[in-house]
């Protein structure tokens, strides 16, 4: 508790008591203030004033004794290591004596002969072989029924409330027909491509001369053809640009001839930015002062824009409907042609479908018509040049990427959709506004 300072008695001078409330100004409240301070300090220390605390909270039975007296009698301070060792934890410590291992958690085949870690029992060896070969005695997967079927139709019939009889009945979720269809391969022959294609012999780290030279010549010829196509495209683009510039020059010359006189062009007769005073006076009478549009004119403009927008939407809708009708007709013709040739897509996926064996050692020929607008990414060029061939595995540099090859095979097999790579994640759109609350003030 805070110490109360007792002041000597003093007489308060009161010059006048004529006012109604003058006697309240000089009341001595020192004792009341000290008491409030003491109660406030008690609440800060214990959270509850001493008056409201019970005897168990105020008093405690000392069983261990005073620590200060113990320090004085002992005469020395404990070391930090002794303080750490003196601490006791509620977690039991580890037992130092040896005991027999529990059979339920011990490794299979543990015994005296496996202490060096080199002996494997015959039973355990046979089990590992069965697991590796996936034999009958190996690991068997339990064919458990699925716990939840999202396409199942609910058996229990829900009674419909007669108050909502005017609402349409909720149709149950139906399984899409294409869920059980096999993915359509993008290859020209329609066959599935192996998930991991067998690489060519020329791509080996130590290839034969014939295989490597054949691969190098083929890839070189392909690169030359691509470069020729690129040069032809650049030349065509440059020619189109030059043709456009020539047409623009012709139009400009025709305009110059149309407005020109016998001596000089009408636009060149006066200096740029210079006119006589008489011309300025004449122009001042010709120009009209801008005026604001009336509400009626604004409404007319708004209505005209609305009509134009609706007419444009209707035209686009008609074109879209015609395209949809044409798409259905084309799809019907393609399906009839495939049925006639006997190359229709199987309705259910069967693991025994024939794989394209020719895709193991060569590039896959893609079909002309395919789903989507984005092209299939080109396969990386994995050719080692003559100066890059190494005769030592330590200096060998790996070529290709198995992850990218696997992803491209998924695209070719139709299991994934070709999408554009997003280099930058789309951020959440935020708006910054200035608060005007500081302007809402009153002059008092």
Protein backbone atom coordinates (compact mmCIF):
# COMPACT_ATOMS: atom_id res chain seq x y z
CA UNK A 1 0.00 0.00 0.00
CA UNK A 2 1.15 3.53 -0.69
CA UNK A 3 2.41 5.47 2.29
CA UNK A 4 0.03 8.24 3.39
CA UNK A 5 1.75 11.54 4.13
CA UNK A 6 0.18 13.23 7.16
CA UNK A 7 0.35 16.97 6.75
CA UNK A 8 0.35 19.38 9.71
CA UNK A 9 -2.99 20.94 10.58
CA UNK A 10 -3.73 24.06 8.67
CA UNK A 11 -6.52 26.56 8.55
CA UNK A 12 -8.13 27.22 5.23
CA UNK A 13 -8.82 30.85 4.57
CA UNK A 14 -12.20 31.51 3.17
CA UNK A 15 -12.58 35.14 2.16
CA UNK A 16 -16.29 34.89 1.51
CA UNK A 17 -19.16 32.47 1.90
CA UNK A 18 -21.80 34.59 0.27
CA UNK A 19 -22.02 32.39 -2.83
CA UNK A 20 -24.36 29.38 -2.93
CA UNK A 21 -21.61 26.88 -3.86
CA UNK A 22 -18.55 28.64 -2.52
CA UNK A 23 -18.25 26.24 0.45
CA UNK A 24 -17.60 23.28 -1.91
CA UNK A 25 -14.42 24.69 -3.39
CA UNK A 26 -12.21 24.26 -0.33
CA UNK A 27 -13.24 20.81 1.03
CA UNK A 28 -10.26 18.66 2.19
CA UNK A 29 -10.41 15.36 0.18
CA UNK A 30 -6.81 14.22 0.79
CA UNK A 31 -7.88 11.13 2.72
CA UNK A 32 -10.40 10.10 0.07
CA UNK A 33 -7.81 10.47 -2.70
CA UNK A 34 -5.22 8.40 -0.83
CA UNK A 35 -7.79 5.68 -0.22
CA UNK A 36 -8.71 5.57 -3.90
CA UNK A 37 -5.03 5.36 -4.84
CA UNK A 38 -4.53 2.43 -2.45
CA UNK A 39 -7.55 0.57 -3.87
CA UNK A 40 -6.32 1.23 -7.44
CA UNK A 41 -2.85 -0.20 -6.61
CA UNK A 42 -4.45 -3.30 -5.03
CA UNK A 43 -6.51 -3.88 -8.18
CA UNK A 44 -3.38 -3.49 -10.35
CA UNK A 45 -1.44 -6.05 -8.28
CA UNK A 46 -4.03 -8.79 -7.71
CA UNK A 47 -6.97 -7.80 -9.87
CA UNK A 48 -9.33 -7.64 -6.85
CA UNK A 49 -9.27 -5.24 -3.84
CA UNK A 50 -8.09 -6.68 -0.54
CA UNK A 51 -11.56 -6.27 0.94
CA UNK A 52 -13.09 -8.61 -1.65
CA UNK A 53 -10.35 -11.30 -1.36
CA UNK A 54 -10.81 -14.38 0.79
CA UNK A 55 -8.48 -15.53 3.56
CA UNK A 56 -6.98 -18.28 1.36
CA UNK A 57 -5.93 -15.67 -1.17
CA UNK A 58 -4.41 -13.36 1.42
CA UNK A 59 -2.62 -15.90 3.62
CA UNK A 60 -0.64 -19.06 2.86
CA UNK A 61 0.84 -21.77 5.06
CA UNK A 62 4.61 -21.79 4.81
CA UNK A 63 5.88 -25.36 4.62
CA UNK A 64 9.22 -24.97 2.89
CA UNK A 65 10.53 -22.04 4.88
CA UNK A 66 12.05 -18.75 3.89
CA UNK A 67 14.45 -18.94 0.96
CA UNK A 68 16.41 -15.91 2.15
CA UNK A 69 17.13 -17.54 5.50
CA UNK A 70 18.20 -20.70 3.68
CA UNK A 71 20.63 -18.66 1.55
CA UNK A 72 22.09 -16.98 4.61
CA UNK A 73 22.57 -20.29 6.38
CA UNK A 74 24.03 -21.98 3.34
CA UNK A 75 26.38 -19.15 2.57
CA UNK A 76 26.96 -19.81 -1.12
CA UNK A 77 25.09 -19.38 -4.44
CA UNK A 78 24.08 -22.32 -6.63
CA UNK A 79 25.78 -22.72 -9.97
CA UNK A 80 23.75 -22.45 -13.17
CA UNK A 81 24.30 -26.15 -13.88
CA UNK A 82 23.00 -27.04 -10.43
CA UNK A 83 19.92 -24.89 -11.01
CA UNK A 84 19.25 -26.66 -14.30
CA UNK A 85 19.73 -30.11 -12.71
CA UNK A 86 17.47 -29.15 -9.82
CA UNK A 87 14.56 -28.56 -12.15
CA UNK A 88 12.09 -31.44 -12.34
CA UNK A 89 9.97 -32.28 -15.38
CA UNK A 90 6.61 -34.00 -15.49
CA UNK A 91 7.81 -36.22 -18.37
CA UNK A 92 9.42 -39.45 -17.14
CA UNK A 93 13.02 -39.96 -18.14
CA UNK A 94 14.46 -42.74 -20.28
CA UNK A 95 15.47 -45.95 -18.62
CA UNK A 96 19.12 -46.81 -18.91
CA UNK A 97 18.86 -50.56 -18.40
CA UNK A 98 18.56 -52.93 -21.33
CA UNK A 99 15.35 -54.81 -21.92
CA UNK A 100 14.00 -57.24 -24.47
CA UNK A 101 12.44 -55.55 -27.52
CA UNK A 102 8.72 -55.82 -28.00
CA UNK A 103 7.84 -58.41 -30.63
CA UNK A 104 4.96 -56.33 -31.98
CA UNK A 105 7.26 -53.48 -32.99
CA UNK A 106 10.42 -55.43 -33.76
CA UNK A 107 11.56 -55.89 -37.34
CA UNK A 108 10.67 -59.18 -39.05
CA UNK A 109 13.39 -61.76 -38.77
CA UNK A 110 15.22 -59.92 -35.99
CA UNK A 111 17.58 -62.16 -34.04
CA UNK A 112 21.19 -62.80 -33.20
CA UNK A 113 22.15 -63.35 -36.83
CA UNK A 114 20.97 -59.97 -38.02
CA UNK A 115 22.96 -57.85 -35.62
CA UNK A 116 25.51 -57.01 -38.28
CA UNK A 117 22.73 -55.97 -40.71
CA UNK A 118 23.87 -58.27 -43.54
CA UNK A 119 21.69 -61.34 -43.03
CA UNK A 120 18.16 -61.49 -44.50
CA UNK A 121 15.99 -64.51 -43.73
CA UNK A 122 14.69 -66.56 -46.60
CA UNK A 123 11.07 -65.83 -45.73
CA UNK A 124 11.66 -62.09 -45.75
CA UNK A 125 13.61 -62.34 -49.00
CA UNK A 126 10.79 -64.25 -50.65
CA UNK A 127 8.28 -61.64 -49.46
CA UNK A 128 10.35 -58.82 -50.94
CA UNK A 129 10.63 -60.66 -54.25
CA UNK A 130 6.88 -61.19 -54.37
CA UNK A 131 6.28 -57.51 -53.70
CA UNK A 132 8.75 -56.53 -56.44
CA UNK A 133 7.24 -58.96 -58.97
CA UNK A 134 3.67 -58.24 -57.86
CA UNK A 135 3.07 -61.96 -57.72
CA UNK A 136 0.12 -63.73 -56.19
CA UNK A 137 1.83 -63.87 -52.82
CA UNK A 138 2.78 -60.20 -52.87
CA UNK A 139 0.80 -57.15 -51.97
CA UNK A 140 -2.84 -57.44 -52.89
CA UNK A 141 -4.98 -54.42 -53.33
CA UNK A 142 -8.37 -54.69 -51.73
CA UNK A 143 -11.12 -53.96 -54.20
CA UNK A 144 -13.36 -52.02 -51.89
CA UNK A 145 -16.54 -50.44 -53.12
CA UNK A 146 -16.49 -46.63 -53.26
CA UNK A 147 -18.02 -45.02 -50.21
CA UNK A 148 -19.53 -42.14 -52.14
CA UNK A 149 -20.79 -41.95 -55.70
CA UNK A 150 -21.43 -38.38 -56.88
CA UNK A 151 -23.54 -39.59 -59.82
CA UNK A 152 -25.80 -41.92 -57.83
CA UNK A 153 -29.52 -41.17 -57.80
CA UNK A 154 -31.00 -40.71 -54.33
CA UNK A 155 -33.33 -43.55 -53.32
CA UNK A 156 -35.36 -41.63 -50.81
CA UNK A 157 -38.14 -39.62 -52.40
CA UNK A 158 -38.55 -36.15 -50.98
CA UNK A 159 -42.14 -35.11 -50.51
CA UNK A 160 -42.82 -31.88 -52.32
CA UNK A 161 -44.46 -29.07 -50.41
CA UNK A 162 -47.82 -28.22 -52.02
CA UNK A 163 -47.15 -24.54 -51.36
CA UNK A 164 -44.34 -24.59 -53.94
CA UNK A 165 -46.16 -26.57 -56.61
CA UNK A 166 -45.61 -23.80 -59.14
CA UNK A 167 -41.84 -24.36 -59.09
CA UNK A 168 -40.14 -26.69 -61.54
CA UNK A 169 -38.92 -30.02 -60.24
CA UNK A 170 -35.22 -30.24 -59.55
CA UNK A 171 -33.67 -32.66 -62.00
CA UNK A 172 -31.24 -35.20 -60.53
CA UNK A 173 -27.57 -35.01 -61.42
CA UNK A 174 -26.83 -37.31 -64.33
CA UNK A 175 -23.54 -38.81 -65.30
CA UNK A 176 -22.16 -37.24 -68.51
CA UNK A 177 -21.96 -39.59 -71.45
CA UNK A 178 -18.32 -38.70 -72.13
CA UNK A 179 -17.14 -39.71 -68.66
CA UNK A 180 -16.54 -43.32 -69.72
CA UNK A 181 -15.20 -42.49 -73.16
CA UNK A 182 -11.57 -43.07 -73.90
CA UNK A 183 -9.48 -39.94 -74.47
CA UNK A 184 -9.19 -39.12 -78.16
CA UNK A 185 -5.58 -39.24 -79.30
CA UNK A 186 -4.28 -36.31 -81.32
CA UNK A 187 -2.17 -38.56 -83.54
CA UNK A 188 -3.06 -38.77 -87.23
CA UNK A 189 -3.62 -42.56 -87.07
CA UNK A 190 -5.79 -42.27 -83.93
CA UNK A 191 -3.68 -44.69 -81.88
CA UNK A 192 -2.61 -44.05 -78.31
CA UNK A 193 0.95 -42.98 -77.65
CA UNK A 194 2.93 -44.71 -74.90
CA UNK A 195 3.28 -42.72 -71.70
CA UNK A 196 7.06 -43.05 -71.84
CA UNK A 197 8.30 -43.37 -75.39
CA UNK A 198 11.36 -45.39 -76.19
CA UNK A 199 14.18 -42.98 -77.12
CA UNK A 200 16.06 -43.26 -80.39
CA UNK A 201 19.44 -44.94 -80.53
CA UNK A 202 21.07 -41.73 -81.76
CA UNK A 203 20.17 -39.94 -78.50
CA UNK A 204 22.23 -42.30 -76.36
CA UNK A 205 25.17 -40.98 -74.35
CA UNK A 206 27.44 -43.33 -76.35
CA UNK A 207 25.61 -43.77 -79.67
CA UNK A 208 26.68 -45.64 -82.74
CA UNK A 209 28.07 -43.55 -85.57
CA UNK A 210 25.36 -44.57 -88.04
CA UNK A 211 22.44 -43.86 -85.67
CA UNK A 212 23.88 -40.55 -84.52
CA UNK A 213 24.66 -39.31 -88.04
CA UNK A 214 21.17 -40.27 -89.30
CA UNK A 215 19.55 -38.40 -86.42
CA UNK A 216 21.78 -35.37 -86.96
CA UNK A 217 21.01 -35.23 -90.70
CA UNK A 218 17.27 -35.57 -90.15
CA UNK A 219 17.09 -32.89 -87.44
CA UNK A 220 19.36 -30.64 -89.51
CA UNK A 221 17.10 -30.96 -92.56
CA UNK A 222 14.08 -30.15 -90.38
CA UNK A 223 15.81 -27.07 -88.95
CA UNK A 224 16.74 -25.91 -92.46
CA UNK A 225 13.14 -26.25 -93.66
CA UNK A 226 11.86 -24.31 -90.62
CA UNK A 227 14.41 -21.55 -91.26
CA UNK A 228 13.39 -21.33 -94.92
CA UNK A 229 9.72 -21.07 -93.93
CA UNK A 230 10.58 -18.32 -91.43
CA UNK A 231 12.53 -16.36 -94.07
CA UNK A 232 9.67 -16.69 -96.56
CA UNK A 233 7.21 -15.43 -93.93
CA UNK A 234 9.45 -12.47 -93.12
CA UNK A 235 9.82 -11.63 -96.81
CA UNK A 236 6.05 -11.79 -97.33
CA UNK A 237 5.50 -9.53 -94.32
CA UNK A 238 8.10 -7.02 -95.55
CA UNK A 239 6.54 -7.05 -99.03
CA UNK A 240 3.07 -6.42 -97.62
CA UNK A 241 4.39 -3.55 -95.51
CA UNK A 242 6.16 -2.00 -98.54
CA UNK A 243 2.98 -2.37 -100.60
CA UNK A 244 0.98 -0.61 -97.92
CA UNK A 245 3.48 2.26 -97.79
CA UNK A 246 3.37 2.63 -101.60
CA UNK A 247 -0.43 2.76 -101.53
CA UNK A 248 -0.32 5.41 -98.82
CA UNK A 249 2.12 7.50 -100.86
CA UNK A 250 -0.14 7.23 -103.92
CA UNK A 251 -3.15 8.43 -101.96
CA UNK A 252 -1.18 11.31 -100.47
CA UNK A 253 0.09 12.36 -103.93
CA UNK A 254 -3.45 12.23 -105.35
CA UNK A 255 -4.73 14.49 -102.57
CA UNK A 256 -1.83 16.89 -103.13
CA UNK A 257 -2.62 17.09 -106.88
CA UNK A 258 -6.32 17.59 -106.24
CA UNK A 259 -5.95 20.63 -104.00
CA UNK A 260 -2.88 22.17 -105.78
CA UNK A 261 -2.87 25.29 -108.09
CA UNK A 262 -0.69 26.22 -111.09
CA UNK A 263 1.92 27.98 -108.98
CA UNK A 264 1.85 26.45 -105.51
CA UNK A 265 -0.33 24.42 -103.26
CA UNK A 266 -3.16 26.15 -101.52
CA UNK A 267 -1.89 24.86 -98.17
CA UNK A 268 1.58 26.33 -98.83
CA UNK A 269 0.29 29.88 -99.64
CA UNK A 270 0.20 30.87 -95.99
CA UNK A 271 2.66 30.36 -93.24
CA UNK A 272 1.84 27.89 -90.53
CA UNK A 273 0.16 29.72 -87.67
CA UNK A 274 0.05 33.10 -89.42
CA UNK A 275 -3.05 34.92 -90.64
CA UNK A 276 -3.91 38.55 -91.31
CA UNK A 277 -6.14 40.58 -89.07
CA UNK A 278 -8.97 40.73 -91.61
CA UNK A 279 -9.08 36.95 -91.85
CA UNK A 280 -9.21 36.65 -88.07
CA UNK A 281 -12.14 39.10 -88.00
CA UNK A 282 -13.94 37.13 -90.69
CA UNK A 283 -13.37 33.83 -88.89
CA UNK A 284 -14.70 35.26 -85.66
CA UNK A 285 -18.12 35.79 -87.27
CA UNK A 286 -18.20 32.32 -88.89
CA UNK A 287 -17.37 30.25 -85.80
CA UNK A 288 -20.29 29.15 -83.65
CA UNK A 289 -20.19 29.27 -79.89
CA UNK A 290 -20.53 25.82 -78.32
CA UNK A 291 -23.64 25.27 -76.26
CA UNK A 292 -24.79 22.53 -73.94
CA UNK A 293 -27.19 19.90 -75.17
CA UNK A 294 -30.71 19.93 -73.84
CA UNK A 295 -32.10 16.93 -71.90
CA UNK A 296 -34.23 16.00 -74.89
CA UNK A 297 -31.16 15.86 -77.15
CA UNK A 298 -29.30 13.74 -74.60
CA UNK A 299 -32.21 11.32 -74.37
CA UNK A 300 -32.34 11.03 -78.16
CA UNK A 301 -28.60 10.26 -78.32
CA UNK A 302 -28.93 7.69 -75.53
CA UNK A 303 -31.88 5.98 -77.23
CA UNK A 304 -30.03 5.90 -80.57
CA UNK A 305 -26.97 4.29 -78.93
CA UNK A 306 -29.20 1.71 -77.25
CA UNK A 307 -30.86 0.82 -80.55
CA UNK A 308 -27.48 0.50 -82.26
CA UNK A 309 -26.18 -1.76 -79.48
CA UNK A 310 -29.27 -3.98 -79.61
CA UNK A 311 -29.07 -4.24 -83.40
CA UNK A 312 -25.37 -5.16 -83.22
CA UNK A 313 -26.14 -7.82 -80.58
CA UNK A 314 -28.90 -9.27 -82.73
CA UNK A 315 -26.58 -9.44 -85.75
CA UNK A 316 -23.91 -11.23 -83.70
CA UNK A 317 -26.53 -13.61 -82.30
CA UNK A 318 -27.73 -14.50 -85.79
CA UNK A 319 -24.18 -15.21 -86.93
CA UNK A 320 -23.59 -17.32 -83.83
CA UNK A 321 -26.77 -19.34 -84.35
CA UNK A 322 -25.79 -20.00 -87.95
CA UNK A 323 -22.34 -21.15 -86.82
CA UNK A 324 -23.85 -23.46 -84.20
CA UNK A 325 -26.11 -25.02 -86.80
CA UNK A 326 -23.16 -25.45 -89.12
CA UNK A 327 -21.06 -27.06 -86.33
CA UNK A 328 -23.77 -29.63 -85.65
CA UNK A 329 -23.97 -30.44 -89.34
CA UNK A 330 -20.19 -30.81 -89.65
CA UNK A 331 -20.06 -33.04 -86.55
CA UNK A 332 -22.81 -35.23 -88.00
CA UNK A 333 -20.96 -35.55 -91.31
CA UNK A 334 -17.69 -36.47 -89.57
CA UNK A 335 -19.40 -39.10 -87.42
CA UNK A 336 -21.08 -40.65 -90.47
CA UNK A 337 -17.75 -40.73 -92.32
CA UNK A 338 -16.01 -42.36 -89.35
CA UNK A 339 -18.72 -44.97 -89.03
CA UNK A 340 -18.44 -45.74 -92.72
CA UNK A 341 -14.69 -46.23 -92.42
CA UNK A 342 -14.98 -48.18 -89.16
CA UNK A 343 -12.74 -45.76 -87.24
CA UNK A 344 -15.20 -44.55 -84.69
CA UNK A 345 -13.95 -43.77 -81.18
CA UNK A 346 -14.64 -46.59 -78.66
CA UNK A 347 -17.40 -45.83 -76.20
CA UNK A 348 -15.56 -47.30 -73.20
CA UNK A 349 -11.90 -47.29 -72.33
CA UNK A 350 -10.24 -50.65 -72.68
CA UNK A 351 -6.66 -51.24 -71.54
CA UNK A 352 -6.07 -53.60 -74.43
CA UNK A 353 -6.10 -50.80 -77.03
CA UNK A 354 -3.27 -50.99 -79.52
CA UNK A 355 -0.40 -48.61 -78.93
CA UNK A 356 1.41 -46.77 -81.67
CA UNK A 357 4.69 -48.65 -81.85
CA UNK A 358 6.02 -46.27 -84.48
CA UNK A 359 5.87 -43.42 -81.96
CA UNK A 360 8.60 -45.01 -79.85
CA UNK A 361 11.46 -44.07 -82.13
CA UNK A 362 10.12 -41.19 -84.22
CA UNK A 363 8.10 -38.01 -84.06
CA UNK A 364 4.32 -38.30 -83.87
CA UNK A 365 2.30 -37.01 -86.83
CA UNK A 366 -0.57 -34.90 -85.49
CA UNK A 367 -4.03 -34.80 -86.99
CA UNK A 368 -5.26 -31.70 -88.80
CA UNK A 369 -8.47 -31.34 -86.90
CA UNK A 370 -8.07 -31.23 -83.13
CA UNK A 371 -9.75 -29.75 -80.07
CA UNK A 372 -8.75 -26.25 -78.96
CA UNK A 373 -7.04 -23.29 -80.57
CA UNK A 374 -3.60 -23.41 -78.92
CA UNK A 375 -0.94 -25.49 -80.69
CA UNK A 376 0.81 -28.49 -79.19
CA UNK A 377 4.24 -27.46 -77.83
CA UNK A 378 7.08 -28.57 -80.04
CA UNK A 379 9.29 -31.40 -78.85
CA UNK A 380 12.70 -30.19 -77.65
CA UNK A 381 15.68 -30.68 -79.96
CA UNK A 382 17.83 -33.36 -78.33
CA UNK A 383 20.81 -33.66 -80.64
CA UNK A 384 24.45 -33.64 -79.59
CA UNK A 385 26.78 -31.85 -82.01
CA UNK A 386 30.15 -33.35 -82.98
CA UNK A 387 32.11 -31.01 -80.71
CA UNK A 388 29.79 -31.85 -77.76
CA UNK A 389 30.32 -35.62 -77.86
CA UNK A 390 32.10 -36.83 -74.71
CA UNK A 391 34.11 -39.97 -74.15
CA UNK A 392 33.69 -39.86 -70.37
CA UNK A 393 30.57 -40.06 -68.22
CA UNK A 394 32.00 -37.44 -65.84
CA UNK A 395 31.88 -34.77 -68.54
CA UNK A 396 28.50 -35.87 -69.89
CA UNK A 397 25.68 -33.31 -69.83
CA UNK A 398 22.10 -34.62 -69.67
CA UNK A 399 19.77 -33.79 -72.55
CA UNK A 400 16.00 -33.38 -72.38
CA UNK A 401 13.54 -33.30 -69.50
CA UNK A 402 11.46 -36.31 -68.50
CA UNK A 403 8.81 -34.12 -66.85
CA UNK A 404 8.24 -32.08 -70.02
CA UNK A 405 8.18 -35.25 -72.16
CA UNK A 406 5.58 -36.85 -69.89
CA UNK A 407 3.44 -33.69 -69.98
CA UNK A 408 3.62 -33.54 -73.79
CA UNK A 409 2.60 -37.21 -74.05
CA UNK A 410 -0.45 -36.48 -71.89
CA UNK A 411 -1.40 -33.70 -74.30
CA UNK A 412 -0.93 -35.94 -77.33
CA UNK A 413 -3.05 -38.69 -75.77
CA UNK A 414 -5.87 -36.21 -75.13
CA UNK A 415 -5.79 -36.60 -71.37
CA UNK A 416 -4.98 -32.94 -70.76
CA UNK A 417 -6.07 -29.75 -72.48
CA UNK A 418 -3.52 -27.45 -74.05
CA UNK A 419 -3.49 -24.19 -72.13
CA UNK A 420 -1.48 -21.01 -72.25
CA UNK A 421 1.18 -20.71 -69.59
CA UNK A 422 0.44 -17.98 -67.07
CA UNK A 423 3.68 -16.18 -66.33
CA UNK A 424 2.10 -13.77 -63.86
CA UNK A 425 -0.67 -14.57 -61.42
CA UNK A 426 -3.75 -12.42 -61.71
CA UNK A 427 -3.87 -10.04 -58.77
CA UNK A 428 -6.97 -9.00 -56.92
CA UNK A 429 -8.34 -5.72 -58.26
CA UNK A 430 -8.15 -2.98 -55.64
CA UNK A 431 -9.22 0.64 -55.75
CA UNK A 432 -7.66 3.49 -53.79
CA UNK A 433 -9.97 6.29 -52.74
CA UNK A 434 -9.44 9.40 -50.67
CA UNK A 435 -11.62 9.87 -47.64
CA UNK A 436 -13.47 13.18 -47.49
CA UNK A 437 -14.25 13.01 -43.80
CA UNK A 438 -11.68 15.66 -43.01
CA UNK A 439 -13.78 18.13 -44.99
CA UNK A 440 -16.89 17.54 -42.88
CA UNK A 441 -16.35 20.16 -40.17
CA UNK A 442 -18.35 22.90 -38.60
CA UNK A 443 -17.31 26.37 -37.57
CA UNK A 444 -18.22 26.71 -33.92
